[in-house]
Protein backbone atom coordinates (compact mmCIF):
# COMPACT_ATOMS: atom_id res chain seq x y z
CA UNK A 1 0.00 0.00 0.00
CA UNK A 2 2.84 2.37 0.86
CA UNK A 3 4.31 1.86 -2.60
CA UNK A 4 0.98 2.74 -4.21
CA UNK A 5 0.70 5.94 -2.18
CA UNK A 6 4.27 6.85 -3.13
CA UNK A 7 3.56 6.20 -6.81
CA UNK A 8 0.38 8.29 -6.61
CA UNK A 9 2.20 11.25 -5.04
CA UNK A 10 4.99 11.05 -7.62
CA UNK A 11 2.38 10.85 -10.39
CA UNK A 12 0.63 13.94 -9.00
CA UNK A 13 3.99 15.78 -8.89
CA UNK A 14 4.57 14.93 -12.57
CA UNK A 15 1.10 16.13 -13.50
CA UNK A 16 1.62 19.34 -11.53
CA UNK A 17 4.92 19.95 -13.34
CA UNK A 18 3.27 19.45 -16.73
CA UNK A 19 0.50 21.87 -15.81
CA UNK A 20 3.02 24.47 -14.63
CA UNK A 21 4.95 24.06 -17.88
CA UNK A 22 1.77 24.67 -19.89
CA UNK A 23 1.01 27.85 -17.93
CA UNK A 24 4.56 29.17 -18.37
CA UNK A 25 4.86 28.33 -22.06
CA UNK A 26 1.40 29.68 -22.85
CA UNK A 27 2.17 32.97 -21.12
CA UNK A 28 5.58 33.32 -22.79
CA UNK A 29 4.35 32.53 -26.29
CA UNK A 30 1.25 34.70 -25.85
CA UNK A 31 3.31 37.64 -24.59
CA UNK A 32 5.77 37.41 -27.49
CA UNK A 33 2.96 37.22 -30.05
CA UNK A 34 1.07 40.09 -28.42
CA UNK A 35 4.27 42.15 -28.30
CA UNK A 36 4.60 41.77 -32.08
CA UNK A 37 0.91 42.49 -32.71
CA UNK A 38 0.80 45.46 -30.35
CA UNK A 39 3.99 46.87 -31.84
CA UNK A 40 2.45 46.72 -35.31
CA UNK A 41 -0.85 48.21 -34.15
CA UNK A 42 0.93 50.96 -32.21
CA UNK A 43 3.12 51.79 -35.20
CA UNK A 44 0.07 52.12 -37.45
CA UNK A 45 -1.75 54.18 -34.82
CA UNK A 46 1.20 56.55 -34.53
CA UNK A 47 1.17 57.07 -38.31
CA UNK A 48 -2.59 57.69 -38.65
CA UNK A 49 -4.41 60.92 -37.93
CA UNK A 50 -7.59 59.11 -36.86
CA UNK A 51 -6.19 56.24 -34.83
CA UNK A 52 -9.24 55.42 -32.69
CA UNK A 53 -9.67 51.94 -34.16
CA UNK A 54 -6.01 51.11 -33.57
CA UNK A 55 -6.21 52.45 -30.03
CA UNK A 56 -9.23 50.24 -29.30
CA UNK A 57 -7.43 47.20 -30.69
CA UNK A 58 -4.36 48.06 -28.63
CA UNK A 59 -6.52 48.45 -25.51
CA UNK A 60 -8.21 45.08 -26.08
CA UNK A 61 -4.85 43.34 -26.44
CA UNK A 62 -3.54 45.06 -23.32
CA UNK A 63 -6.57 43.91 -21.31
CA UNK A 64 -6.18 40.37 -22.68
CA UNK A 65 -2.47 40.42 -21.86
CA UNK A 66 -3.16 41.42 -18.27
CA UNK A 67 -5.94 38.82 -17.94
CA UNK A 68 -3.94 35.93 -19.39
CA UNK A 69 -0.89 36.75 -17.29
CA UNK A 70 -2.94 37.04 -14.09
CA UNK A 71 -4.41 33.61 -14.85
CA UNK A 72 -0.95 32.15 -15.58
CA UNK A 73 0.55 33.54 -12.37
CA UNK A 74 -2.46 32.31 -10.36
CA UNK A 75 -2.04 28.88 -11.94
CA UNK A 76 1.62 28.88 -10.96
CA UNK A 77 0.76 29.90 -7.40
CA UNK A 78 -1.70 27.02 -7.18
CA UNK A 79 0.91 24.68 -8.66
CA UNK A 80 3.43 25.86 -6.09
CA UNK A 81 1.05 25.19 -3.20
CA UNK A 82 0.15 21.78 -4.63
CA UNK A 83 3.81 20.83 -5.04
CA UNK A 84 4.58 21.91 -1.47
CA UNK A 85 1.75 19.79 -0.06
CA UNK A 86 2.75 16.76 -2.11
CA UNK A 87 6.41 17.10 -1.23
CA UNK A 88 5.63 17.49 2.47
CA UNK A 89 3.65 14.26 2.30
CA UNK A 90 6.50 12.56 0.50
CA UNK A 91 9.08 13.78 3.02
CA UNK A 92 6.85 12.64 5.89
CA UNK A 93 6.56 9.24 4.25
CA UNK A 94 10.34 9.08 3.85
CA UNK A 95 10.85 10.17 7.46
CA UNK A 96 8.42 7.52 8.73
CA UNK A 97 10.39 4.88 6.83
CA UNK A 98 13.86 6.16 7.81
CA UNK A 99 14.89 7.10 4.28
CA UNK A 100 14.51 10.88 4.61
CA UNK A 101 18.29 11.38 4.58
CA UNK A 102 18.15 10.75 0.81
CA UNK A 103 15.89 13.74 0.20
CA UNK A 104 17.52 17.10 0.83
CA UNK A 105 14.97 19.50 2.38
CA UNK A 106 16.68 22.37 0.53
CA UNK A 107 14.90 21.13 -2.58
CA UNK A 108 11.69 22.60 -1.16
CA UNK A 109 13.16 26.12 -1.18
CA UNK A 110 14.70 25.51 -4.62
CA UNK A 111 11.26 24.73 -6.01
CA UNK A 112 9.94 27.91 -4.43
CA UNK A 113 12.69 29.93 -6.10
CA UNK A 114 11.92 28.29 -9.44
CA UNK A 115 8.29 29.41 -9.20
CA UNK A 116 9.43 32.92 -8.30
CA UNK A 117 11.68 33.00 -11.37
CA UNK A 118 8.89 31.71 -13.63
CA UNK A 119 6.61 34.43 -12.31
CA UNK A 120 9.34 37.03 -12.91
CA UNK A 121 9.76 35.95 -16.53
CA UNK A 122 6.02 36.13 -17.12
CA UNK A 123 5.77 39.56 -15.46
CA UNK A 124 8.74 40.96 -17.40
CA UNK A 125 7.42 39.73 -20.74
CA UNK A 126 3.90 40.96 -20.08
CA UNK A 127 5.19 44.38 -19.04
CA UNK A 128 7.27 44.51 -22.23
CA UNK A 129 4.27 43.47 -24.35
CA UNK A 130 2.30 46.37 -22.87
CA UNK A 131 4.84 49.16 -22.31
CA UNK A 132 6.87 49.00 -25.55
CA UNK A 133 3.82 49.39 -27.84
CA UNK A 134 2.53 52.23 -25.65
CA UNK A 135 5.88 54.00 -26.02
CA UNK A 136 5.72 53.53 -29.79
CA UNK A 137 2.11 54.70 -29.89
CA UNK A 138 2.52 57.88 -27.88
CA UNK A 139 6.05 58.96 -28.82
CA UNK A 140 6.17 57.71 -32.44
């Protein structure tokens, strides 16, 4: 039974990692695509006398960028909490069976730092996808 519980926890950790990867990759790809689109829209808006349509499109993409990135970061936060709970259970299981010396508790903080870095990448790219086109739009 213990082996089945261990396998289930490890399986849940794998699934959590896959989900986190999907959130991170989706946010990164979306932000890069939106950066290109917003840059093009902002450039056209800066060159037009009546740029209301371009400004509306730019505003919609900015709102969508904020929304998608908030969802991605929330998904990562949930993934982080899930991973912590699963790892605590795994460490407790290892401790109960006198094999905890093979699992370095520092890994827990390393995972936390990894989530912080993922969030930083998403935040930096989303800010770039919003700010750069706005600079082009209003100074171009």
